């Protein structure tokens, strides 16, 4: 293809003046969407309520947990991968920080976090944490003032154990209804969680995955499950289910967690 002289030649211009601007570039512009989404959910406010009893830190625990949410949304799984967005201006803006915590700070914060930080959420907030597990969780029900697994409970535990599907941990969250005093119900919850683990040990003796079982027991002072959990997979399916009955239970599920 031939070009004309006008298309090829141009006039000579004076030496250009170069100006450099201090621009903040981000590799995660899509977080703008999540910034608005978090605002609609009032996620910062909800997390702040969880950690209201733990204060006096330079990095608030609510903000650090929000960073972990972003960490997962960005596709990272290990804490050390936070270096990839350590200086990103949009990540800092979303978190409301001028600098992000290092890996050691994040790790220490996770160790210091207690069950109360999660379990003391109000009912709707607490129950929302379990919603993503609806298709893989099982609820083991107990009789009032009882910690013994019935036949249906043992079967439900065994079925849930078989549903690993590449998950990392087996989570057991036992609880009690509001009947009785706080100390009694806390002890009742602990024994219910232990009953699940004892059955796993006796049924699957020698299974290396038993090391991946985590137990948590919650007394009546913590948020109660709502009656909508009666529609989940439970050991007494088909039997009438009330608010108190669904909370005389142990919630079991394989979960994905790699930090």
C-alpha atoms as a PDB file:
ATOM      1  CA  UNK A   1       0.000   0.000   0.000  1.00  0.00           C
ATOM      2  CA  UNK A   2       1.331   3.425  -0.936  1.00  0.00           C
ATOM      3  CA  UNK A   3       0.910   6.512   1.254  1.00  0.00           C
ATOM      4  CA  UNK A   4       0.739  10.123   0.104  1.00  0.00           C
ATOM      5  CA  UNK A   5       3.362  12.660   1.138  1.00  0.00           C
ATOM      6  CA  UNK A   6       0.770  14.420   3.336  1.00  0.00           C
ATOM      7  CA  UNK A   7       0.048  11.163   5.181  1.00  0.00           C
ATOM      8  CA  UNK A   8       3.705  10.524   5.876  1.00  0.00           C
ATOM      9  CA  UNK A   9       5.241  13.909   6.622  1.00  0.00           C
ATOM     10  CA  UNK A  10       4.441  16.274   9.446  1.00  0.00           C
ATOM     11  CA  UNK A  11       5.474  19.691  10.646  1.00  0.00           C
ATOM     12  CA  UNK A  12       8.304  20.066  13.134  1.00  0.00           C
ATOM     13  CA  UNK A  13       7.161  21.142  16.581  1.00  0.00           C
ATOM     14  CA  UNK A  14       8.993  22.615  19.514  1.00  0.00           C
ATOM     15  CA  UNK A  15      10.292  20.274  22.183  1.00  0.00           C
ATOM     16  CA  UNK A  16       7.289  19.158  24.233  1.00  0.00           C
ATOM     17  CA  UNK A  17       6.948  19.998  27.917  1.00  0.00           C
ATOM     18  CA  UNK A  18       6.600  16.900  30.038  1.00  0.00           C
ATOM     19  CA  UNK A  19       4.390  16.976  33.130  1.00  0.00           C
ATOM     20  CA  UNK A  20       4.083  14.118  35.603  1.00  0.00           C
ATOM     21  CA  UNK A  21       1.038  13.709  37.826  1.00  0.00           C
ATOM     22  CA  UNK A  22       0.886  11.794  41.039  1.00  0.00           C
ATOM     23  CA  UNK A  23      -1.826   9.309  40.114  1.00  0.00           C
ATOM     24  CA  UNK A  24      -3.107   6.481  42.308  1.00  0.00           C
ATOM     25  CA  UNK A  25      -3.585   3.404  40.190  1.00  0.00           C
ATOM     26  CA  UNK A  26      -5.482   0.313  41.296  1.00  0.00           C
ATOM     27  CA  UNK A  27      -5.494  -3.256  40.087  1.00  0.00           C
ATOM     28  CA  UNK A  28      -8.858  -3.930  41.734  1.00  0.00           C
ATOM     29  CA  UNK A  29     -11.277  -1.391  40.265  1.00  0.00           C
ATOM     30  CA  UNK A  30     -14.128  -3.898  40.559  1.00  0.00           C
ATOM     31  CA  UNK A  31     -14.137  -3.311  44.320  1.00  0.00           C
ATOM     32  CA  UNK A  32     -16.156  -0.159  43.679  1.00  0.00           C
ATOM     33  CA  UNK A  33     -19.183  -2.421  43.274  1.00  0.00           C
ATOM     34  CA  UNK A  34     -18.507  -4.126  46.597  1.00  0.00           C
ATOM     35  CA  UNK A  35     -18.025  -0.772  48.307  1.00  0.00           C
ATOM     36  CA  UNK A  36     -21.634   0.090  47.533  1.00  0.00           C
ATOM     37  CA  UNK A  37     -22.808  -3.426  48.355  1.00  0.00           C
ATOM     38  CA  UNK A  38     -21.127  -3.358  51.786  1.00  0.00           C
ATOM     39  CA  UNK A  39     -22.731   0.007  52.447  1.00  0.00           C
ATOM     40  CA  UNK A  40     -26.182  -1.401  51.677  1.00  0.00           C
ATOM     41  CA  UNK A  41     -25.524  -4.330  54.000  1.00  0.00           C
ATOM     42  CA  UNK A  42     -24.137  -1.985  56.674  1.00  0.00           C
ATOM     43  CA  UNK A  43     -21.389  -4.549  56.981  1.00  0.00           C
ATOM     44  CA  UNK A  44     -18.938  -2.296  58.827  1.00  0.00           C
ATOM     45  CA  UNK A  45     -21.558  -1.441  61.438  1.00  0.00           C
ATOM     46  CA  UNK A  46     -22.487  -5.088  61.941  1.00  0.00           C
ATOM     47  CA  UNK A  47     -18.877  -6.160  62.320  1.00  0.00           C
ATOM     48  CA  UNK A  48     -18.255  -3.302  64.762  1.00  0.00           C
ATOM     49  CA  UNK A  49     -21.036  -4.645  66.974  1.00  0.00           C
ATOM     50  CA  UNK A  50     -19.380  -8.061  67.032  1.00  0.00           C
ATOM     51  CA  UNK A  51     -16.154  -6.637  68.427  1.00  0.00           C
ATOM     52  CA  UNK A  52     -17.551  -3.923  70.697  1.00  0.00           C
ATOM     53  CA  UNK A  53     -16.131  -5.814  73.717  1.00  0.00           C
ATOM     54  CA  UNK A  54     -12.595  -5.824  72.259  1.00  0.00           C
ATOM     55  CA  UNK A  55     -11.139  -2.320  71.967  1.00  0.00           C
ATOM     56  CA  UNK A  56      -7.842  -0.490  72.297  1.00  0.00           C
ATOM     57  CA  UNK A  57      -6.146  -1.669  69.099  1.00  0.00           C
ATOM     58  CA  UNK A  58      -4.624   0.478  66.341  1.00  0.00           C
ATOM     59  CA  UNK A  59      -6.299  -1.714  63.742  1.00  0.00           C
ATOM     60  CA  UNK A  60      -9.887  -2.313  64.783  1.00  0.00           C
ATOM     61  CA  UNK A  61     -10.861  -5.961  64.626  1.00  0.00           C
ATOM     62  CA  UNK A  62     -13.987  -5.152  62.637  1.00  0.00           C
ATOM     63  CA  UNK A  63     -11.869  -3.579  59.885  1.00  0.00           C
ATOM     64  CA  UNK A  64      -9.412  -6.477  59.925  1.00  0.00           C
ATOM     65  CA  UNK A  65     -12.215  -8.971  59.475  1.00  0.00           C
ATOM     66  CA  UNK A  66     -13.585  -6.838  56.655  1.00  0.00           C
ATOM     67  CA  UNK A  67     -10.135  -7.083  55.062  1.00  0.00           C
ATOM     68  CA  UNK A  68     -10.382 -10.867  55.276  1.00  0.00           C
ATOM     69  CA  UNK A  69     -13.714 -10.695  53.441  1.00  0.00           C
ATOM     70  CA  UNK A  70     -12.055  -8.635  50.698  1.00  0.00           C
ATOM     71  CA  UNK A  71      -9.104 -11.021  50.713  1.00  0.00           C
ATOM     72  CA  UNK A  72     -11.399 -13.913  49.789  1.00  0.00           C
ATOM     73  CA  UNK A  73     -13.376 -11.859  47.267  1.00  0.00           C
ATOM     74  CA  UNK A  74     -10.134 -10.999  45.483  1.00  0.00           C
ATOM     75  CA  UNK A  75      -9.440 -14.709  45.096  1.00  0.00           C
ATOM     76  CA  UNK A  76      -6.700 -15.089  47.706  1.00  0.00           C
ATOM     77  CA  UNK A  77      -6.664 -17.868  50.274  1.00  0.00           C
ATOM     78  CA  UNK A  78      -3.430 -17.543  52.267  1.00  0.00           C
ATOM     79  CA  UNK A  79      -2.684 -14.583  54.526  1.00  0.00           C
ATOM     80  CA  UNK A  80       0.732 -14.011  53.011  1.00  0.00           C
ATOM     81  CA  UNK A  81      -0.961 -13.207  49.688  1.00  0.00           C
ATOM     82  CA  UNK A  82      -2.148  -9.904  51.178  1.00  0.00           C
ATOM     83  CA  UNK A  83       1.145  -8.449  49.926  1.00  0.00           C
ATOM     84  CA  UNK A  84      -0.367  -8.340  46.442  1.00  0.00           C
ATOM     85  CA  UNK A  85      -2.727  -5.524  47.445  1.00  0.00           C
ATOM     86  CA  UNK A  86      -0.773  -4.080  50.380  1.00  0.00           C
ATOM     87  CA  UNK A  87      -0.369  -0.667  48.716  1.00  0.00           C
ATOM     88  CA  UNK A  88      -3.476  -0.615  46.548  1.00  0.00           C
ATOM     89  CA  UNK A  89      -5.283   2.734  47.028  1.00  0.00           C
ATOM     90  CA  UNK A  90      -8.794   1.391  46.381  1.00  0.00           C
ATOM     91  CA  UNK A  91      -8.416  -1.406  48.943  1.00  0.00           C
ATOM     92  CA  UNK A  92      -7.232   1.151  51.491  1.00  0.00           C
ATOM     93  CA  UNK A  93     -10.113   3.468  50.634  1.00  0.00           C
ATOM     94  CA  UNK A  94     -12.723   0.741  51.024  1.00  0.00           C
ATOM     95  CA  UNK A  95     -11.304  -0.246  54.418  1.00  0.00           C
ATOM     96  CA  UNK A  96     -10.854   3.355  55.525  1.00  0.00           C
ATOM     97  CA  UNK A  97      -7.134   2.886  56.213  1.00  0.00           C
ATOM     98  CA  UNK A  98      -3.983   4.743  55.188  1.00  0.00           C
ATOM     99  CA  UNK A  99      -1.922   1.602  55.514  1.00  0.00           C
ATOM    100  CA  UNK A 100      -2.829  -2.051  55.775  1.00  0.00           C
ATOM    101  CA  UNK A 101      -1.773  -4.422  58.561  1.00  0.00           C
ATOM    102  CA  UNK A 102       1.000  -6.892  57.875  1.00  0.00           C
ATOM    103  CA  UNK A 103       0.592 -10.669  57.937  1.00  0.00           C
ATOM    104  CA  UNK A 104       1.800 -10.955  61.545  1.00  0.00           C
ATOM    105  CA  UNK A 105      -0.901  -8.534  62.717  1.00  0.00           C
ATOM    106  CA  UNK A 106      -3.638 -10.381  60.835  1.00  0.00           C
ATOM    107  CA  UNK A 107      -2.482 -13.723  62.192  1.00  0.00           C
ATOM    108  CA  UNK A 108      -2.354 -12.433  65.770  1.00  0.00           C
ATOM    109  CA  UNK A 109      -5.806 -10.918  65.458  1.00  0.00           C
ATOM    110  CA  UNK A 110      -7.266 -14.226  64.309  1.00  0.00           C
ATOM    111  CA  UNK A 111      -5.768 -16.005  67.307  1.00  0.00           C
ATOM    112  CA  UNK A 112      -7.188 -13.411  69.701  1.00  0.00           C
ATOM    113  CA  UNK A 113     -10.702 -13.449  68.247  1.00  0.00           C
ATOM    114  CA  UNK A 114     -13.120 -15.278  70.519  1.00  0.00           C
ATOM    115  CA  UNK A 115     -16.386 -17.098  69.946  1.00  0.00           C
ATOM    116  CA  UNK A 116     -18.318 -14.262  71.537  1.00  0.00           C
ATOM    117  CA  UNK A 117     -17.272 -11.963  68.698  1.00  0.00           C
ATOM    118  CA  UNK A 118     -19.282 -14.089  66.285  1.00  0.00           C
ATOM    119  CA  UNK A 119     -21.913 -15.731  68.426  1.00  0.00           C
ATOM    120  CA  UNK A 120     -23.046 -12.535  70.185  1.00  0.00           C
ATOM    121  CA  UNK A 121     -24.463 -11.177  66.956  1.00  0.00           C
ATOM    122  CA  UNK A 122     -28.163 -10.451  66.990  1.00  0.00           C
ATOM    123  CA  UNK A 123     -30.302 -13.284  65.679  1.00  0.00           C
ATOM    124  CA  UNK A 124     -30.664 -12.201  62.048  1.00  0.00           C
ATOM    125  CA  UNK A 125     -26.965 -11.316  61.709  1.00  0.00           C
ATOM    126  CA  UNK A 126     -25.794 -14.530  63.357  1.00  0.00           C
ATOM    127  CA  UNK A 127     -28.108 -16.801  61.382  1.00  0.00           C
ATOM    128  CA  UNK A 128     -27.041 -15.126  58.144  1.00  0.00           C
ATOM    129  CA  UNK A 129     -23.545 -16.558  58.670  1.00  0.00           C
ATOM    130  CA  UNK A 130     -24.927 -20.072  58.250  1.00  0.00           C
ATOM    131  CA  UNK A 131     -27.140 -19.455  55.221  1.00  0.00           C
ATOM    132  CA  UNK A 132     -24.417 -20.287  52.638  1.00  0.00           C
ATOM    133  CA  UNK A 133     -24.131 -23.755  54.206  1.00  0.00           C
ATOM    134  CA  UNK A 134     -27.789 -24.643  53.787  1.00  0.00           C
ATOM    135  CA  UNK A 135     -27.143 -27.266  51.111  1.00  0.00           C
ATOM    136  CA  UNK A 136     -24.391 -29.080  53.017  1.00  0.00           C
ATOM    137  CA  UNK A 137     -25.192 -28.577  56.701  1.00  0.00           C
ATOM    138  CA  UNK A 138     -27.070 -30.974  58.974  1.00  0.00           C
ATOM    139  CA  UNK A 139     -28.832 -30.253  62.261  1.00  0.00           C
ATOM    140  CA  UNK A 140     -28.690 -32.947  64.933  1.00  0.00           C
ATOM    141  CA  UNK A 141     -31.569 -32.617  67.397  1.00  0.00           C
ATOM    142  CA  UNK A 142     -31.685 -33.704  71.036  1.00  0.00           C
ATOM    143  CA  UNK A 143     -34.403 -34.238  73.607  1.00  0.00           C
ATOM    144  CA  UNK A 144     -34.823 -31.615  76.307  1.00  0.00           C
ATOM    145  CA  UNK A 145     -32.096 -31.847  78.982  1.00  0.00           C
ATOM    146  CA  UNK A 146     -30.483 -34.666  76.991  1.00  0.00           C
ATOM    147  CA  UNK A 147     -27.066 -35.096  75.356  1.00  0.00           C
ATOM    148  CA  UNK A 148     -27.472 -38.591  73.885  1.00  0.00           C
ATOM    149  CA  UNK A 149     -27.605 -39.076  70.122  1.00  0.00           C
ATOM    150  CA  UNK A 150     -30.642 -41.051  69.040  1.00  0.00           C
ATOM    151  CA  UNK A 151     -30.631 -43.320  65.967  1.00  0.00           C
ATOM    152  CA  UNK A 152     -31.674 -40.474  63.691  1.00  0.00           C
ATOM    153  CA  UNK A 153     -28.944 -38.253  65.101  1.00  0.00           C
ATOM    154  CA  UNK A 154     -26.228 -40.853  64.556  1.00  0.00           C
ATOM    155  CA  UNK A 155     -27.399 -41.410  60.983  1.00  0.00           C
ATOM    156  CA  UNK A 156     -27.405 -37.653  60.276  1.00  0.00           C
ATOM    157  CA  UNK A 157     -23.860 -37.288  61.650  1.00  0.00           C
ATOM    158  CA  UNK A 158     -22.612 -40.147  59.486  1.00  0.00           C
ATOM    159  CA  UNK A 159     -24.266 -38.710  56.371  1.00  0.00           C
ATOM    160  CA  UNK A 160     -22.735 -35.294  56.964  1.00  0.00           C
ATOM    161  CA  UNK A 161     -19.297 -36.845  57.521  1.00  0.00           C
ATOM    162  CA  UNK A 162     -19.501 -38.504  54.110  1.00  0.00           C
ATOM    163  CA  UNK A 163     -20.080 -35.157  52.381  1.00  0.00           C
ATOM    164  CA  UNK A 164     -16.538 -33.784  52.622  1.00  0.00           C
ATOM    165  CA  UNK A 165     -16.277 -32.796  48.939  1.00  0.00           C
ATOM    166  CA  UNK A 166     -12.778 -31.365  49.346  1.00  0.00           C
ATOM    167  CA  UNK A 167     -13.609 -29.192  52.379  1.00  0.00           C
ATOM    168  CA  UNK A 168     -10.963 -28.379  54.970  1.00  0.00           C
ATOM    169  CA  UNK A 169     -12.698 -28.586  58.365  1.00  0.00           C
ATOM    170  CA  UNK A 170     -15.652 -30.303  59.991  1.00  0.00           C
ATOM    171  CA  UNK A 171     -17.537 -27.759  62.069  1.00  0.00           C
ATOM    172  CA  UNK A 172     -19.728 -28.704  65.062  1.00  0.00           C
ATOM    173  CA  UNK A 173     -21.743 -25.914  66.727  1.00  0.00           C
ATOM    174  CA  UNK A 174     -23.875 -27.185  69.597  1.00  0.00           C
ATOM    175  CA  UNK A 175     -26.403 -25.143  71.508  1.00  0.00           C
ATOM    176  CA  UNK A 176     -29.281 -25.209  73.983  1.00  0.00           C
ATOM    177  CA  UNK A 177     -32.693 -23.577  74.227  1.00  0.00           C
ATOM    178  CA  UNK A 178     -33.427 -20.794  76.707  1.00  0.00           C
ATOM    179  CA  UNK A 179     -34.869 -23.243  79.272  1.00  0.00           C
ATOM    180  CA  UNK A 180     -32.743 -23.451  82.430  1.00  0.00           C
ATOM    181  CA  UNK A 181     -29.970 -21.180  83.678  1.00  0.00           C
ATOM    182  CA  UNK A 182     -26.951 -19.999  81.691  1.00  0.00           C
ATOM    183  CA  UNK A 183     -24.331 -22.258  83.294  1.00  0.00           C
ATOM    184  CA  UNK A 184     -26.501 -25.351  82.899  1.00  0.00           C
ATOM    185  CA  UNK A 185     -27.192 -24.675  79.225  1.00  0.00           C
ATOM    186  CA  UNK A 186     -23.542 -23.978  78.460  1.00  0.00           C
ATOM    187  CA  UNK A 187     -22.591 -27.343  79.954  1.00  0.00           C
ATOM    188  CA  UNK A 188     -25.439 -29.002  78.052  1.00  0.00           C
ATOM    189  CA  UNK A 189     -24.193 -27.508  74.785  1.00  0.00           C
ATOM    190  CA  UNK A 190     -20.641 -28.683  75.434  1.00  0.00           C
ATOM    191  CA  UNK A 191     -21.786 -32.240  76.078  1.00  0.00           C
ATOM    192  CA  UNK A 192     -23.865 -32.227  72.897  1.00  0.00           C
ATOM    193  CA  UNK A 193     -20.876 -31.150  70.821  1.00  0.00           C
ATOM    194  CA  UNK A 194     -18.741 -33.805  72.498  1.00  0.00           C
ATOM    195  CA  UNK A 195     -21.400 -36.444  71.790  1.00  0.00           C
ATOM    196  CA  UNK A 196     -21.063 -35.768  68.061  1.00  0.00           C
ATOM    197  CA  UNK A 197     -17.283 -36.061  68.221  1.00  0.00           C
ATOM    198  CA  UNK A 198     -17.440 -39.232  70.329  1.00  0.00           C
ATOM    199  CA  UNK A 199     -19.716 -40.868  67.756  1.00  0.00           C
ATOM    200  CA  UNK A 200     -17.357 -39.904  64.934  1.00  0.00           C
ATOM    201  CA  UNK A 201     -14.447 -41.421  66.851  1.00  0.00           C
ATOM    202  CA  UNK A 202     -16.271 -44.691  67.485  1.00  0.00           C
ATOM    203  CA  UNK A 203     -17.698 -44.975  63.957  1.00  0.00           C
ATOM    204  CA  UNK A 204     -14.629 -43.849  62.008  1.00  0.00           C
ATOM    205  CA  UNK A 205     -11.777 -45.027  64.213  1.00  0.00           C
ATOM    206  CA  UNK A 206      -8.373 -44.223  62.727  1.00  0.00           C
ATOM    207  CA  UNK A 207      -9.722 -41.737  60.185  1.00  0.00           C
ATOM    208  CA  UNK A 208      -7.084 -38.995  59.773  1.00  0.00           C
ATOM    209  CA  UNK A 209      -9.831 -36.466  59.052  1.00  0.00           C
ATOM    210  CA  UNK A 210     -10.872 -36.612  62.708  1.00  0.00           C
ATOM    211  CA  UNK A 211      -8.040 -34.130  63.278  1.00  0.00           C
ATOM    212  CA  UNK A 212     -10.039 -31.620  61.238  1.00  0.00           C
ATOM    213  CA  UNK A 213     -13.019 -31.556  63.594  1.00  0.00           C
ATOM    214  CA  UNK A 214     -13.682 -28.297  65.428  1.00  0.00           C
ATOM    215  CA  UNK A 215     -16.133 -28.023  68.337  1.00  0.00           C
ATOM    216  CA  UNK A 216     -17.998 -24.917  69.490  1.00  0.00           C
ATOM    217  CA  UNK A 217     -20.720 -24.857  72.128  1.00  0.00           C
ATOM    218  CA  UNK A 218     -23.044 -21.922  72.745  1.00  0.00           C
ATOM    219  CA  UNK A 219     -25.216 -21.282  75.766  1.00  0.00           C
ATOM    220  CA  UNK A 220     -28.536 -19.475  75.845  1.00  0.00           C
ATOM    221  CA  UNK A 221     -26.828 -16.062  76.063  1.00  0.00           C
ATOM    222  CA  UNK A 222     -25.905 -16.345  72.391  1.00  0.00           C
ATOM    223  CA  UNK A 223     -28.181 -15.788  69.407  1.00  0.00           C
ATOM    224  CA  UNK A 224     -30.778 -18.507  68.882  1.00  0.00           C
ATOM    225  CA  UNK A 225     -31.506 -20.212  65.565  1.00  0.00           C
ATOM    226  CA  UNK A 226     -34.711 -19.094  63.895  1.00  0.00           C
ATOM    227  CA  UNK A 227     -37.552 -21.474  63.129  1.00  0.00           C
ATOM    228  CA  UNK A 228     -36.737 -21.227  59.413  1.00  0.00           C
ATOM    229  CA  UNK A 229     -33.843 -23.624  60.154  1.00  0.00           C
ATOM    230  CA  UNK A 230     -36.487 -26.318  60.700  1.00  0.00           C
ATOM    231  CA  UNK A 231     -36.637 -26.678  56.898  1.00  0.00           C
ATOM    232  CA  UNK A 232     -32.946 -27.656  56.742  1.00  0.00           C
ATOM    233  CA  UNK A 233     -31.688 -31.235  56.717  1.00  0.00           C
ATOM    234  CA  UNK A 234     -32.218 -32.396  60.314  1.00  0.00           C
ATOM    235  CA  UNK A 235     -32.242 -35.634  62.225  1.00  0.00           C
ATOM    236  CA  UNK A 236     -35.938 -35.350  63.088  1.00  0.00           C
ATOM    237  CA  UNK A 237     -37.276 -34.400  59.685  1.00  0.00           C
ATOM    238  CA  UNK A 238     -41.035 -34.766  59.558  1.00  0.00           C
ATOM    239  CA  UNK A 239     -41.423 -34.192  63.289  1.00  0.00           C
ATOM    240  CA  UNK A 240     -42.919 -30.916  64.526  1.00  0.00           C
ATOM    241  CA  UNK A 241     -40.179 -28.341  65.017  1.00  0.00           C
ATOM    242  CA  UNK A 242     -40.447 -25.302  67.310  1.00  0.00           C
ATOM    243  CA  UNK A 243     -38.011 -22.515  68.181  1.00  0.00           C
ATOM    244  CA  UNK A 244     -36.887 -24.306  71.323  1.00  0.00           C
ATOM    245  CA  UNK A 245     -36.552 -27.713  69.663  1.00  0.00           C
ATOM    246  CA  UNK A 246     -34.360 -26.447  66.807  1.00  0.00           C
ATOM    247  CA  UNK A 247     -32.012 -24.915  69.405  1.00  0.00           C
ATOM    248  CA  UNK A 248     -31.627 -28.191  71.328  1.00  0.00           C
ATOM    249  CA  UNK A 249     -29.222 -29.224  68.634  1.00  0.00           C
ATOM    250  CA  UNK A 250     -25.788 -29.454  67.068  1.00  0.00           C
ATOM    251  CA  UNK A 251     -25.118 -27.846  63.696  1.00  0.00           C
ATOM    252  CA  UNK A 252     -22.597 -29.919  61.681  1.00  0.00           C
ATOM    253  CA  UNK A 253     -21.007 -29.290  58.294  1.00  0.00           C
ATOM    254  CA  UNK A 254     -17.802 -29.582  56.314  1.00  0.00           C
ATOM    255  CA  UNK A 255     -16.550 -26.078  55.547  1.00  0.00           C
ATOM    256  CA  UNK A 256     -13.919 -24.612  53.269  1.00  0.00           C
ATOM    257  CA  UNK A 257     -11.341 -22.540  55.116  1.00  0.00           C
ATOM    258  CA  UNK A 258      -7.685 -21.971  54.186  1.00  0.00           C
ATOM    259  CA  UNK A 259      -5.823 -19.033  55.730  1.00  0.00           C
END
